[in-house]
Full PDB file with SEQRES, HELIX, SHEET, SSBOND, CRYST1, ORIGX, SCALE, CONECT and MASTER records, all heavy atoms in Angstrom:
SEQRES   1 A   38  ARG ALA GLY PHE ARG GLU VAL SER ALA ARG ASP VAL TRP          
SEQRES   2 A   38  LEU GLU HIS ARG PHE ILE PRO GLU SER TYR LEU ASP LEU          
SEQRES   3 A   38  VAL GLU HIS TRP ILE ASP ARG GLU VAL PHE ALA THR              
HELIX    1 AA1 PRO A   20  LEU A   26  1                                   7    
HELIX    2 AA2 VAL A   27  ILE A   31  3                                   5    
HELIX    3 AA3 ARG A   33  ALA A   37  1                                   5    
CRYST1    1.000    1.000    1.000  90.00  90.00  90.00 P 1           1          
ORIGX1      1.000000  0.000000  0.000000        0.00000                         
ORIGX2      0.000000  1.000000  0.000000        0.00000                         
ORIGX3      0.000000  0.000000  1.000000        0.00000                         
SCALE1      1.000000  0.000000  0.000000        0.00000                         
SCALE2      0.000000  1.000000  0.000000        0.00000                         
SCALE3      0.000000  0.000000  1.000000        0.00000                         
ATOM      1  N   ARG A   1     -29.954 -76.159  89.715  1.00  0.00           N  
ATOM      2  CA  ARG A   1     -31.365 -76.030  90.071  1.00  0.00           C  
ATOM      3  C   ARG A   1     -32.147 -77.295  89.735  1.00  0.00           C  
ATOM      4  O   ARG A   1     -33.134 -77.633  90.410  1.00  0.00           O  
ATOM      5  CB  ARG A   1     -31.992 -74.824  89.354  1.00  0.00           C  
ATOM      6  CG  ARG A   1     -31.576 -73.478  89.929  1.00  0.00           C  
ATOM      7  CD  ARG A   1     -32.478 -72.367  89.410  1.00  0.00           C  
ATOM      8  NE  ARG A   1     -32.388 -72.215  87.955  1.00  0.00           N  
ATOM      9  CZ  ARG A   1     -31.516 -71.453  87.330  1.00  0.00           C  
ATOM     10  NH1 ARG A   1     -30.611 -70.767  88.012  1.00  0.00           N  
ATOM     11  NH2 ARG A   1     -31.518 -71.365  86.006  1.00  0.00           N  
ATOM     12  N   ALA A   2     -31.720 -77.999  88.683  1.00  0.00           N  
ATOM     13  CA  ALA A   2     -32.404 -79.235  88.299  1.00  0.00           C  
ATOM     14  C   ALA A   2     -32.092 -80.379  89.253  1.00  0.00           C  
ATOM     15  O   ALA A   2     -32.772 -81.406  89.226  1.00  0.00           O  
ATOM     16  CB  ALA A   2     -32.007 -79.624  86.874  1.00  0.00           C  
ATOM     17  N   GLY A   3     -31.045 -80.222  90.086  1.00  0.00           N  
ATOM     18  CA  GLY A   3     -30.718 -81.252  91.055  1.00  0.00           C  
ATOM     19  C   GLY A   3     -29.360 -81.898  90.878  1.00  0.00           C  
ATOM     20  O   GLY A   3     -28.982 -82.765  91.668  1.00  0.00           O  
ATOM     21  N   PHE A   4     -28.603 -81.486  89.843  1.00  0.00           N  
ATOM     22  CA  PHE A   4     -27.273 -82.049  89.639  1.00  0.00           C  
ATOM     23  C   PHE A   4     -26.300 -81.470  90.662  1.00  0.00           C  
ATOM     24  O   PHE A   4     -26.439 -80.332  91.111  1.00  0.00           O  
ATOM     25  CB  PHE A   4     -26.769 -81.752  88.216  1.00  0.00           C  
ATOM     26  CG  PHE A   4     -27.445 -82.563  87.157  1.00  0.00           C  
ATOM     27  CD1 PHE A   4     -28.550 -82.056  86.477  1.00  0.00           C  
ATOM     28  CD2 PHE A   4     -26.994 -83.834  86.845  1.00  0.00           C  
ATOM     29  CE1 PHE A   4     -29.189 -82.804  85.498  1.00  0.00           C  
ATOM     30  CE2 PHE A   4     -27.623 -84.596  85.874  1.00  0.00           C  
ATOM     31  CZ  PHE A   4     -28.732 -84.074  85.199  1.00  0.00           C  
ATOM     32  N   ARG A   5     -25.297 -82.270  91.012  1.00  0.00           N  
ATOM     33  CA  ARG A   5     -24.261 -81.846  91.934  1.00  0.00           C  
ATOM     34  C   ARG A   5     -22.887 -82.032  91.270  1.00  0.00           C  
ATOM     35  O   ARG A   5     -22.780 -82.653  90.235  1.00  0.00           O  
ATOM     36  CB  ARG A   5     -24.343 -82.653  93.231  1.00  0.00           C  
ATOM     37  CG  ARG A   5     -25.650 -82.426  93.991  1.00  0.00           C  
ATOM     38  CD  ARG A   5     -25.777 -80.976  94.459  1.00  0.00           C  
ATOM     39  NE  ARG A   5     -27.047 -80.691  95.121  1.00  0.00           N  
ATOM     40  CZ  ARG A   5     -28.086 -80.109  94.521  1.00  0.00           C  
ATOM     41  NH1 ARG A   5     -28.011 -79.768  93.239  1.00  0.00           N  
ATOM     42  NH2 ARG A   5     -29.200 -79.863  95.195  1.00  0.00           N  
ATOM     43  N   GLU A   6     -21.879 -81.470  91.906  1.00  0.00           N  
ATOM     44  CA  GLU A   6     -20.510 -81.494  91.347  1.00  0.00           C  
ATOM     45  C   GLU A   6     -20.531 -80.961  89.911  1.00  0.00           C  
ATOM     46  O   GLU A   6     -19.926 -81.531  89.002  1.00  0.00           O  
ATOM     47  CB  GLU A   6     -19.921 -82.904  91.394  1.00  0.00           C  
ATOM     48  CG  GLU A   6     -19.787 -83.471  92.799  1.00  0.00           C  
ATOM     49  CD  GLU A   6     -19.203 -84.865  92.799  1.00  0.00           C  
ATOM     50  OE1 GLU A   6     -18.389 -85.182  91.912  1.00  0.00           O  
ATOM     51  OE2 GLU A   6     -19.591 -85.650  93.692  1.00  0.00           O  
ATOM     52  N   VAL A   7     -21.234 -79.861  89.721  1.00  0.00           N  
ATOM     53  CA  VAL A   7     -21.413 -79.294  88.382  1.00  0.00           C  
ATOM     54  C   VAL A   7     -20.189 -78.458  88.002  1.00  0.00           C  
ATOM     55  O   VAL A   7     -19.710 -77.643  88.793  1.00  0.00           O  
ATOM     56  CB  VAL A   7     -22.682 -78.415  88.324  1.00  0.00           C  
ATOM     57  CG1 VAL A   7     -22.794 -77.723  86.971  1.00  0.00           C  
ATOM     58  CG2 VAL A   7     -23.915 -79.257  88.614  1.00  0.00           C  
ATOM     59  N   SER A   8     -19.715 -78.674  86.797  1.00  0.00           N  
ATOM     60  CA  SER A   8     -18.690 -77.797  86.222  1.00  0.00           C  
ATOM     61  C   SER A   8     -19.175 -77.345  84.854  1.00  0.00           C  
ATOM     62  O   SER A   8     -19.745 -78.133  84.102  1.00  0.00           O  
ATOM     63  CB  SER A   8     -17.343 -78.510  86.105  1.00  0.00           C  
ATOM     64  OG  SER A   8     -17.406 -79.555  85.155  1.00  0.00           O  
ATOM     65  N   ALA A   9     -18.946 -76.080  84.563  1.00  0.00           N  
ATOM     66  CA  ALA A   9     -19.374 -75.516  83.278  1.00  0.00           C  
ATOM     67  C   ALA A   9     -18.272 -74.584  82.784  1.00  0.00           C  
ATOM     68  O   ALA A   9     -17.786 -73.744  83.544  1.00  0.00           O  
ATOM     69  CB  ALA A   9     -20.692 -74.759  83.421  1.00  0.00           C  
ATOM     70  N   ARG A  10     -17.907 -74.721  81.527  1.00  0.00           N  
ATOM     71  CA  ARG A  10     -16.835 -73.893  80.991  1.00  0.00           C  
ATOM     72  C   ARG A  10     -17.083 -73.576  79.523  1.00  0.00           C  
ATOM     73  O   ARG A  10     -17.767 -74.330  78.821  1.00  0.00           O  
ATOM     74  CB  ARG A  10     -15.486 -74.570  81.154  1.00  0.00           C  
ATOM     75  CG  ARG A  10     -15.303 -75.862  80.360  1.00  0.00           C  
ATOM     76  CD  ARG A  10     -14.045 -76.584  80.794  1.00  0.00           C  
ATOM     77  NE  ARG A  10     -13.692 -77.714  79.952  1.00  0.00           N  
ATOM     78  CZ  ARG A  10     -14.216 -78.928  80.051  1.00  0.00           C  
ATOM     79  NH1 ARG A  10     -15.165 -79.159  80.952  1.00  0.00           N  
ATOM     80  NH2 ARG A  10     -13.832 -79.904  79.260  1.00  0.00           N  
ATOM     81  N   ASP A  11     -16.510 -72.481  79.104  1.00  0.00           N  
ATOM     82  CA  ASP A  11     -16.570 -72.093  77.702  1.00  0.00           C  
ATOM     83  C   ASP A  11     -15.546 -72.889  76.902  1.00  0.00           C  
ATOM     84  O   ASP A  11     -14.414 -73.100  77.349  1.00  0.00           O  
ATOM     85  CB  ASP A  11     -16.270 -70.601  77.533  1.00  0.00           C  
ATOM     86  CG  ASP A  11     -17.336 -69.705  78.114  1.00  0.00           C  
ATOM     87  OD1 ASP A  11     -18.507 -70.124  78.146  1.00  0.00           O  
ATOM     88  OD2 ASP A  11     -17.001 -68.582  78.540  1.00  0.00           O  
ATOM     89  N   VAL A  12     -15.947 -73.314  75.713  1.00  0.00           N  
ATOM     90  CA  VAL A  12     -15.027 -73.883  74.727  1.00  0.00           C  
ATOM     91  C   VAL A  12     -15.388 -73.264  73.381  1.00  0.00           C  
ATOM     92  O   VAL A  12     -16.413 -72.589  73.247  1.00  0.00           O  
ATOM     93  CB  VAL A  12     -15.107 -75.429  74.672  1.00  0.00           C  
ATOM     94  CG1 VAL A  12     -14.621 -76.049  75.969  1.00  0.00           C  
ATOM     95  CG2 VAL A  12     -16.531 -75.892  74.363  1.00  0.00           C  
ATOM     96  N   TRP A  13     -14.548 -73.500  72.399  1.00  0.00           N  
ATOM     97  CA  TRP A  13     -14.775 -72.869  71.096  1.00  0.00           C  
ATOM     98  C   TRP A  13     -14.809 -73.907  69.987  1.00  0.00           C  
ATOM     99  O   TRP A  13     -14.047 -74.881  70.002  1.00  0.00           O  
ATOM    100  CB  TRP A  13     -13.678 -71.842  70.804  1.00  0.00           C  
ATOM    101  CG  TRP A  13     -13.810 -70.609  71.629  1.00  0.00           C  
ATOM    102  CD1 TRP A  13     -13.360 -70.418  72.906  1.00  0.00           C  
ATOM    103  CD2 TRP A  13     -14.488 -69.405  71.249  1.00  0.00           C  
ATOM    104  NE1 TRP A  13     -13.700 -69.172  73.350  1.00  0.00           N  
ATOM    105  CE2 TRP A  13     -14.392 -68.521  72.354  1.00  0.00           C  
ATOM    106  CE3 TRP A  13     -15.136 -68.978  70.095  1.00  0.00           C  
ATOM    107  CZ2 TRP A  13     -14.932 -67.236  72.330  1.00  0.00           C  
ATOM    108  CZ3 TRP A  13     -15.680 -67.707  70.071  1.00  0.00           C  
ATOM    109  CH2 TRP A  13     -15.580 -66.844  71.180  1.00  0.00           C  
ATOM    110  N   LEU A  14     -15.724 -73.688  69.073  1.00  0.00           N  
ATOM    111  CA  LEU A  14     -15.807 -74.485  67.851  1.00  0.00           C  
ATOM    112  C   LEU A  14     -15.210 -73.667  66.724  1.00  0.00           C  
ATOM    113  O   LEU A  14     -15.596 -72.512  66.506  1.00  0.00           O  
ATOM    114  CB  LEU A  14     -17.269 -74.823  67.537  1.00  0.00           C  
ATOM    115  CG  LEU A  14     -17.556 -75.496  66.197  1.00  0.00           C  
ATOM    116  CD1 LEU A  14     -16.826 -76.821  66.076  1.00  0.00           C  
ATOM    117  CD2 LEU A  14     -19.055 -75.688  65.998  1.00  0.00           C  
ATOM    118  N   GLU A  15     -14.260 -74.256  66.011  1.00  0.00           N  
ATOM    119  CA  GLU A  15     -13.623 -73.573  64.891  1.00  0.00           C  
ATOM    120  C   GLU A  15     -13.708 -74.438  63.641  1.00  0.00           C  
ATOM    121  O   GLU A  15     -13.598 -75.663  63.711  1.00  0.00           O  
ATOM    122  CB  GLU A  15     -12.149 -73.284  65.183  1.00  0.00           C  
ATOM    123  CG  GLU A  15     -11.905 -72.270  66.269  1.00  0.00           C  
ATOM    124  CD  GLU A  15     -10.436 -71.881  66.362  1.00  0.00           C  
ATOM    125  OE1 GLU A  15      -9.607 -72.492  65.644  1.00  0.00           O  
ATOM    126  OE2 GLU A  15     -10.107 -70.962  67.145  1.00  0.00           O  
ATOM    127  N   HIS A  16     -13.902 -73.776  62.520  1.00  0.00           N  
ATOM    128  CA  HIS A  16     -13.879 -74.471  61.225  1.00  0.00           C  
ATOM    129  C   HIS A  16     -13.395 -73.485  60.168  1.00  0.00           C  
ATOM    130  O   HIS A  16     -13.876 -72.349  60.111  1.00  0.00           O  
ATOM    131  CB  HIS A  16     -15.265 -75.000  60.860  1.00  0.00           C  
ATOM    132  CG  HIS A  16     -15.254 -75.885  59.651  1.00  0.00           C  
ATOM    133  ND1 HIS A  16     -14.964 -77.229  59.728  1.00  0.00           N  
ATOM    134  CD2 HIS A  16     -15.453 -75.604  58.338  1.00  0.00           C  
ATOM    135  CE1 HIS A  16     -15.019 -77.750  58.501  1.00  0.00           C  
ATOM    136  NE2 HIS A  16     -15.307 -76.792  57.651  1.00  0.00           N  
ATOM    137  N   ARG A  17     -12.479 -73.935  59.348  1.00  0.00           N  
ATOM    138  CA  ARG A  17     -11.963 -73.074  58.294  1.00  0.00           C  
ATOM    139  C   ARG A  17     -12.643 -73.408  56.967  1.00  0.00           C  
ATOM    140  O   ARG A  17     -12.590 -74.539  56.502  1.00  0.00           O  
ATOM    141  CB  ARG A  17     -10.446 -73.213  58.155  1.00  0.00           C  
ATOM    142  CG  ARG A  17      -9.847 -72.210  57.170  1.00  0.00           C  
ATOM    143  CD  ARG A  17      -8.333 -72.240  57.190  1.00  0.00           C  
ATOM    144  NE  ARG A  17      -7.795 -71.751  58.439  1.00  0.00           N  
ATOM    145  CZ  ARG A  17      -7.643 -70.455  58.719  1.00  0.00           C  
ATOM    146  NH1 ARG A  17      -8.026 -69.537  57.833  1.00  0.00           N  
ATOM    147  NH2 ARG A  17      -7.116 -70.092  59.863  1.00  0.00           N  
ATOM    148  N   PHE A  18     -13.298 -72.413  56.395  1.00  0.00           N  
ATOM    149  CA  PHE A  18     -13.971 -72.551  55.111  1.00  0.00           C  
ATOM    150  C   PHE A  18     -13.139 -71.921  54.003  1.00  0.00           C  
ATOM    151  O   PHE A  18     -12.150 -71.220  54.251  1.00  0.00           O  
ATOM    152  CB  PHE A  18     -15.337 -71.848  55.149  1.00  0.00           C  
ATOM    153  CG  PHE A  18     -16.353 -72.481  56.053  1.00  0.00           C  
ATOM    154  CD1 PHE A  18     -16.543 -72.014  57.352  1.00  0.00           C  
ATOM    155  CD2 PHE A  18     -17.137 -73.534  55.606  1.00  0.00           C  
ATOM    156  CE1 PHE A  18     -17.491 -72.578  58.188  1.00  0.00           C  
ATOM    157  CE2 PHE A  18     -18.099 -74.104  56.440  1.00  0.00           C  
ATOM    158  CZ  PHE A  18     -18.267 -73.623  57.729  1.00  0.00           C  
ATOM    159  N   ILE A  19     -13.571 -72.170  52.783  1.00  0.00           N  
ATOM    160  CA  ILE A  19     -13.202 -71.376  51.615  1.00  0.00           C  
ATOM    161  C   ILE A  19     -14.522 -70.863  51.043  1.00  0.00           C  
ATOM    162  O   ILE A  19     -15.593 -71.337  51.450  1.00  0.00           O  
ATOM    163  CB  ILE A  19     -12.404 -72.188  50.586  1.00  0.00           C  
ATOM    164  CG1 ILE A  19     -13.230 -73.379  50.077  1.00  0.00           C  
ATOM    165  CG2 ILE A  19     -11.067 -72.656  51.166  1.00  0.00           C  
ATOM    166  CD1 ILE A  19     -12.567 -74.146  48.939  1.00  0.00           C  
ATOM    167  N   PRO A  20     -14.492 -69.892  50.131  1.00  0.00           N  
ATOM    168  CA  PRO A  20     -15.781 -69.360  49.635  1.00  0.00           C  
ATOM    169  C   PRO A  20     -16.736 -70.434  49.141  1.00  0.00           C  
ATOM    170  O   PRO A  20     -17.929 -70.418  49.470  1.00  0.00           O  
ATOM    171  CB  PRO A  20     -15.343 -68.411  48.518  1.00  0.00           C  
ATOM    172  CG  PRO A  20     -13.998 -67.927  48.956  1.00  0.00           C  
ATOM    173  CD  PRO A  20     -13.347 -69.112  49.613  1.00  0.00           C  
ATOM    174  N   GLU A  21     -16.242 -71.390  48.369  1.00  0.00           N  
ATOM    175  CA  GLU A  21     -17.119 -72.417  47.804  1.00  0.00           C  
ATOM    176  C   GLU A  21     -17.724 -73.310  48.883  1.00  0.00           C  
ATOM    177  O   GLU A  21     -18.919 -73.633  48.842  1.00  0.00           O  
ATOM    178  CB  GLU A  21     -16.354 -73.273  46.781  1.00  0.00           C  
ATOM    179  CG  GLU A  21     -15.961 -72.545  45.510  1.00  0.00           C  
ATOM    180  CD  GLU A  21     -14.730 -71.660  45.673  1.00  0.00           C  
ATOM    181  OE1 GLU A  21     -14.088 -71.699  46.765  1.00  0.00           O  
ATOM    182  OE2 GLU A  21     -14.404 -70.922  44.723  1.00  0.00           O  
ATOM    183  N   SER A  22     -16.908 -73.711  49.863  1.00  0.00           N  
ATOM    184  CA  SER A  22     -17.427 -74.621  50.884  1.00  0.00           C  
ATOM    185  C   SER A  22     -18.425 -73.911  51.800  1.00  0.00           C  
ATOM    186  O   SER A  22     -19.417 -74.514  52.224  1.00  0.00           O  
ATOM    187  CB  SER A  22     -16.282 -75.222  51.713  1.00  0.00           C  
ATOM    188  OG  SER A  22     -15.621 -74.229  52.476  1.00  0.00           O  
ATOM    189  N   TYR A  23     -18.186 -72.622  52.066  1.00  0.00           N  
ATOM    190  CA  TYR A  23     -19.145 -71.917  52.906  1.00  0.00           C  
ATOM    191  C   TYR A  23     -20.459 -71.682  52.162  1.00  0.00           C  
ATOM    192  O   TYR A  23     -21.536 -71.844  52.730  1.00  0.00           O  
ATOM    193  CB  TYR A  23     -18.589 -70.588  53.422  1.00  0.00           C  
ATOM    194  CG  TYR A  23     -19.525 -69.966  54.420  1.00  0.00           C  
ATOM    195  CD1 TYR A  23     -19.722 -70.580  55.662  1.00  0.00           C  
ATOM    196  CD2 TYR A  23     -20.272 -68.831  54.126  1.00  0.00           C  
ATOM    197  CE1 TYR A  23     -20.626 -70.065  56.581  1.00  0.00           C  
ATOM    198  CE2 TYR A  23     -21.178 -68.309  55.044  1.00  0.00           C  
ATOM    199  CZ  TYR A  23     -21.350 -68.934  56.270  1.00  0.00           C  
ATOM    200  OH  TYR A  23     -22.247 -68.441  57.173  1.00  0.00           O  
ATOM    201  N   LEU A  24     -20.380 -71.340  50.892  1.00  0.00           N  
ATOM    202  CA  LEU A  24     -21.605 -71.132  50.130  1.00  0.00           C  
ATOM    203  C   LEU A  24     -22.391 -72.428  49.989  1.00  0.00           C  
ATOM    204  O   LEU A  24     -23.626 -72.423  50.015  1.00  0.00           O  
ATOM    205  CB  LEU A  24     -21.286 -70.540  48.756  1.00  0.00           C  
ATOM    206  CG  LEU A  24     -22.504 -70.162  47.908  1.00  0.00           C  
ATOM    207  CD1 LEU A  24     -23.421 -69.189  48.649  1.00  0.00           C  
ATOM    208  CD2 LEU A  24     -22.059 -69.556  46.576  1.00  0.00           C  
ATOM    209  N   ASP A  25     -21.704 -73.565  49.869  1.00  0.00           N  
ATOM    210  CA  ASP A  25     -22.400 -74.851  49.850  1.00  0.00           C  
ATOM    211  C   ASP A  25     -23.178 -75.061  51.149  1.00  0.00           C  
ATOM    212  O   ASP A  25     -24.327 -75.510  51.131  1.00  0.00           O  
ATOM    213  CB  ASP A  25     -21.397 -75.994  49.662  1.00  0.00           C  
ATOM    214  CG  ASP A  25     -20.891 -76.104  48.237  1.00  0.00           C  
ATOM    215  OD1 ASP A  25     -21.520 -75.530  47.326  1.00  0.00           O  
ATOM    216  OD2 ASP A  25     -19.851 -76.762  48.039  1.00  0.00           O  
ATOM    217  N   LEU A  26     -22.544 -74.731  52.272  1.00  0.00           N  
ATOM    218  CA  LEU A  26     -23.226 -74.868  53.561  1.00  0.00           C  
ATOM    219  C   LEU A  26     -24.431 -73.936  53.642  1.00  0.00           C  
ATOM    220  O   LEU A  26     -25.501 -74.330  54.127  1.00  0.00           O  
ATOM    221  CB  LEU A  26     -22.250 -74.564  54.700  1.00  0.00           C  
ATOM    222  CG  LEU A  26     -22.818 -74.678  56.117  1.00  0.00           C  
ATOM    223  CD1 LEU A  26     -23.195 -76.125  56.438  1.00  0.00           C  
ATOM    224  CD2 LEU A  26     -21.824 -74.145  57.144  1.00  0.00           C  
ATOM    225  N   VAL A  27     -24.275 -72.713  53.167  1.00  0.00           N  
ATOM    226  CA  VAL A  27     -25.388 -71.754  53.164  1.00  0.00           C  
ATOM    227  C   VAL A  27     -26.546 -72.287  52.318  1.00  0.00           C  
ATOM    228  O   VAL A  27     -27.702 -72.258  52.734  1.00  0.00           O  
ATOM    229  CB  VAL A  27     -24.916 -70.386  52.627  1.00  0.00           C  
ATOM    230  CG1 VAL A  27     -26.110 -69.472  52.358  1.00  0.00           C  
ATOM    231  CG2 VAL A  27     -23.968 -69.723  53.625  1.00  0.00           C  
ATOM    232  N   GLU A  28     -26.221 -72.797  51.142  1.00  0.00           N  
ATOM    233  CA  GLU A  28     -27.273 -73.265  50.236  1.00  0.00           C  
ATOM    234  C   GLU A  28     -28.003 -74.488  50.775  1.00  0.00           C  
ATOM    235  O   GLU A  28     -29.231 -74.589  50.670  1.00  0.00           O  
ATOM    236  CB  GLU A  28     -26.688 -73.594  48.865  1.00  0.00           C  
ATOM    237  CG  GLU A  28     -27.714 -74.134  47.883  1.00  0.00           C  
ATOM    238  CD  GLU A  28     -27.156 -74.389  46.499  1.00  0.00           C  
ATOM    239  OE1 GLU A  28     -25.961 -74.086  46.266  1.00  0.00           O  
ATOM    240  OE2 GLU A  28     -27.914 -74.889  45.640  1.00  0.00           O  
ATOM    241  N   HIS A  29     -27.276 -75.409  51.359  1.00  0.00           N  
ATOM    242  CA  HIS A  29     -27.879 -76.690  51.742  1.00  0.00           C  
ATOM    243  C   HIS A  29     -28.311 -76.764  53.193  1.00  0.00           C  
ATOM    244  O   HIS A  29     -29.062 -77.687  53.558  1.00  0.00           O  
ATOM    245  CB  HIS A  29     -26.908 -77.826  51.433  1.00  0.00           C  
ATOM    246  CG  HIS A  29     -26.610 -77.983  49.976  1.00  0.00           C  
ATOM    247  ND1 HIS A  29     -27.515 -78.520  49.096  1.00  0.00           N  
ATOM    248  CD2 HIS A  29     -25.513 -77.641  49.245  1.00  0.00           C  
ATOM    249  CE1 HIS A  29     -26.987 -78.521  47.873  1.00  0.00           C  
ATOM    250  NE2 HIS A  29     -25.791 -77.994  47.939  1.00  0.00           N  
ATOM    251  N   TRP A  30     -27.860 -75.785  54.028  1.00  0.00           N  
ATOM    252  CA  TRP A  30     -28.267 -75.867  55.430  1.00  0.00           C  
ATOM    253  C   TRP A  30     -28.684 -74.514  55.998  1.00  0.00           C  
ATOM    254  O   TRP A  30     -29.835 -74.321  56.372  1.00  0.00           O  
ATOM    255  CB  TRP A  30     -27.146 -76.470  56.286  1.00  0.00           C  
ATOM    256  CG  TRP A  30     -27.565 -76.615  57.715  1.00  0.00           C  
ATOM    257  CD1 TRP A  30     -27.124 -75.910  58.784  1.00  0.00           C  
ATOM    258  CD2 TRP A  30     -28.574 -77.504  58.218  1.00  0.00           C  
ATOM    259  NE1 TRP A  30     -27.774 -76.311  59.930  1.00  0.00           N  
ATOM    260  CE2 TRP A  30     -28.672 -77.291  59.611  1.00  0.00           C  
ATOM    261  CE3 TRP A  30     -29.401 -78.470  57.618  1.00  0.00           C  
ATOM    262  CZ2 TRP A  30     -29.565 -77.996  60.407  1.00  0.00           C  
ATOM    263  CZ3 TRP A  30     -30.289 -79.162  58.424  1.00  0.00           C  
ATOM    264  CH2 TRP A  30     -30.367 -78.936  59.795  1.00  0.00           C  
ATOM    265  N   ILE A  31     -27.768 -73.550  56.082  1.00  0.00           N  
ATOM    266  CA  ILE A  31     -28.056 -72.320  56.823  1.00  0.00           C  
ATOM    267  C   ILE A  31     -29.232 -71.550  56.226  1.00  0.00           C  
ATOM    268  O   ILE A  31     -30.153 -71.148  56.934  1.00  0.00           O  
ATOM    269  CB  ILE A  31     -26.809 -71.415  56.880  1.00  0.00           C  
ATOM    270  CG1 ILE A  31     -25.676 -72.123  57.633  1.00  0.00           C  
ATOM    271  CG2 ILE A  31     -27.141 -70.079  57.555  1.00  0.00           C  
ATOM    272  CD1 ILE A  31     -24.365 -71.360  57.627  1.00  0.00           C  
ATOM    273  N   ASP A  32     -29.197 -71.330  54.913  1.00  0.00           N  
ATOM    274  CA  ASP A  32     -30.250 -70.566  54.241  1.00  0.00           C  
ATOM    275  C   ASP A  32     -30.920 -71.411  53.163  1.00  0.00           C  
ATOM    276  O   ASP A  32     -31.239 -70.913  52.076  1.00  0.00           O  
ATOM    277  CB  ASP A  32     -29.675 -69.281  53.634  1.00  0.00           C  
ATOM    278  CG  ASP A  32     -29.438 -68.204  54.678  1.00  0.00           C  
ATOM    279  OD1 ASP A  32     -30.399 -67.853  55.389  1.00  0.00           O  
ATOM    280  OD2 ASP A  32     -28.306 -67.725  54.799  1.00  0.00           O  
ATOM    281  N   ARG A  33     -31.161 -72.666  53.482  1.00  0.00           N  
ATOM    282  CA  ARG A  33     -31.789 -73.555  52.508  1.00  0.00           C  
ATOM    283  C   ARG A  33     -33.165 -73.049  52.089  1.00  0.00           C  
ATOM    284  O   ARG A  33     -33.587 -73.265  50.953  1.00  0.00           O  
ATOM    285  CB  ARG A  33     -31.885 -74.964  53.069  1.00  0.00           C  
ATOM    286  CG  ARG A  33     -32.677 -75.057  54.369  1.00  0.00           C  
ATOM    287  CD  ARG A  33     -32.638 -76.442  54.988  1.00  0.00           C  
ATOM    288  NE  ARG A  33     -33.407 -76.484  56.219  1.00  0.00           N  
ATOM    289  CZ  ARG A  33     -32.915 -76.234  57.415  1.00  0.00           C  
ATOM    290  NH1 ARG A  33     -31.640 -75.927  57.540  1.00  0.00           N  
ATOM    291  NH2 ARG A  33     -33.683 -76.288  58.487  1.00  0.00           N  
ATOM    292  N   GLU A  34     -33.864 -72.359  53.028  1.00  0.00           N  
ATOM    293  CA  GLU A  34     -35.195 -71.849  52.685  1.00  0.00           C  
ATOM    294  C   GLU A  34     -35.117 -70.785  51.595  1.00  0.00           C  
ATOM    295  O   GLU A  34     -36.023 -70.668  50.767  1.00  0.00           O  
ATOM    296  CB  GLU A  34     -35.876 -71.265  53.928  1.00  0.00           C  
ATOM    297  CG  GLU A  34     -36.188 -72.285  55.005  1.00  0.00           C  
ATOM    298  CD  GLU A  34     -35.081 -72.388  56.037  1.00  0.00           C  
ATOM    299  OE1 GLU A  34     -33.976 -71.866  55.751  1.00  0.00           O  
ATOM    300  OE2 GLU A  34     -35.300 -72.986  57.107  1.00  0.00           O  
ATOM    301  N   VAL A  35     -34.057 -69.987  51.600  1.00  0.00           N  
ATOM    302  CA  VAL A  35     -33.884 -68.971  50.553  1.00  0.00           C  
ATOM    303  C   VAL A  35     -33.754 -69.638  49.196  1.00  0.00           C  
ATOM    304  O   VAL A  35     -34.453 -69.282  48.233  1.00  0.00           O  
ATOM    305  CB  VAL A  35     -32.637 -68.103  50.840  1.00  0.00           C  
ATOM    306  CG1 VAL A  35     -32.342 -67.187  49.655  1.00  0.00           C  
ATOM    307  CG2 VAL A  35     -32.831 -67.288  52.108  1.00  0.00           C  
ATOM    308  N   PHE A  36     -32.863 -70.610  49.091  1.00  0.00           N  
ATOM    309  CA  PHE A  36     -32.636 -71.275  47.806  1.00  0.00           C  
ATOM    310  C   PHE A  36     -33.858 -72.067  47.357  1.00  0.00           C  
ATOM    311  O   PHE A  36     -34.102 -72.208  46.158  1.00  0.00           O  
ATOM    312  CB  PHE A  36     -31.403 -72.181  47.901  1.00  0.00           C  
ATOM    313  CG  PHE A  36     -30.107 -71.431  47.845  1.00  0.00           C  
ATOM    314  CD1 PHE A  36     -29.522 -70.931  49.000  1.00  0.00           C  
ATOM    315  CD2 PHE A  36     -29.466 -71.206  46.639  1.00  0.00           C  
ATOM    316  CE1 PHE A  36     -28.327 -70.229  48.960  1.00  0.00           C  
ATOM    317  CE2 PHE A  36     -28.264 -70.508  46.578  1.00  0.00           C  
ATOM    318  CZ  PHE A  36     -27.693 -70.012  47.750  1.00  0.00           C  
ATOM    319  N   ALA A  37     -34.631 -72.575  48.313  1.00  0.00           N  
ATOM    320  CA  ALA A  37     -35.821 -73.356  47.957  1.00  0.00           C  
ATOM    321  C   ALA A  37     -36.869 -72.507  47.250  1.00  0.00           C  
ATOM    322  O   ALA A  37     -37.704 -73.037  46.502  1.00  0.00           O  
ATOM    323  CB  ALA A  37     -36.421 -74.003  49.201  1.00  0.00           C  
ATOM    324  N   THR A  38     -36.848 -71.181  47.460  1.00  0.00           N  
ATOM    325  CA  THR A  38     -37.833 -70.302  46.823  1.00  0.00           C  
ATOM    326  C   THR A  38     -37.434 -69.881  45.414  1.00  0.00           C  
ATOM    327  O   THR A  38     -38.224 -69.250  44.724  1.00  0.00           O  
ATOM    328  CB  THR A  38     -38.036 -69.026  47.668  1.00  0.00           C  
ATOM    329  OG1 THR A  38     -36.810 -68.268  47.695  1.00  0.00           O  
ATOM    330  CG2 THR A  38     -38.451 -69.367  49.091  1.00  0.00           C  
TER     331      THR A  38                                                      
MASTER        0    0    0    3    0    0    0    6  330    1    0    3          
END                                                                             
């Protein structure tokens, strides 16, 4: 609709393997940083 031609679109997947400590670090510093800031 924007005007592009020869358009292809496909699903892909992002995967990452965490451990409890590494996931909680991500939660604290990025995902739920607002929670920890309070």
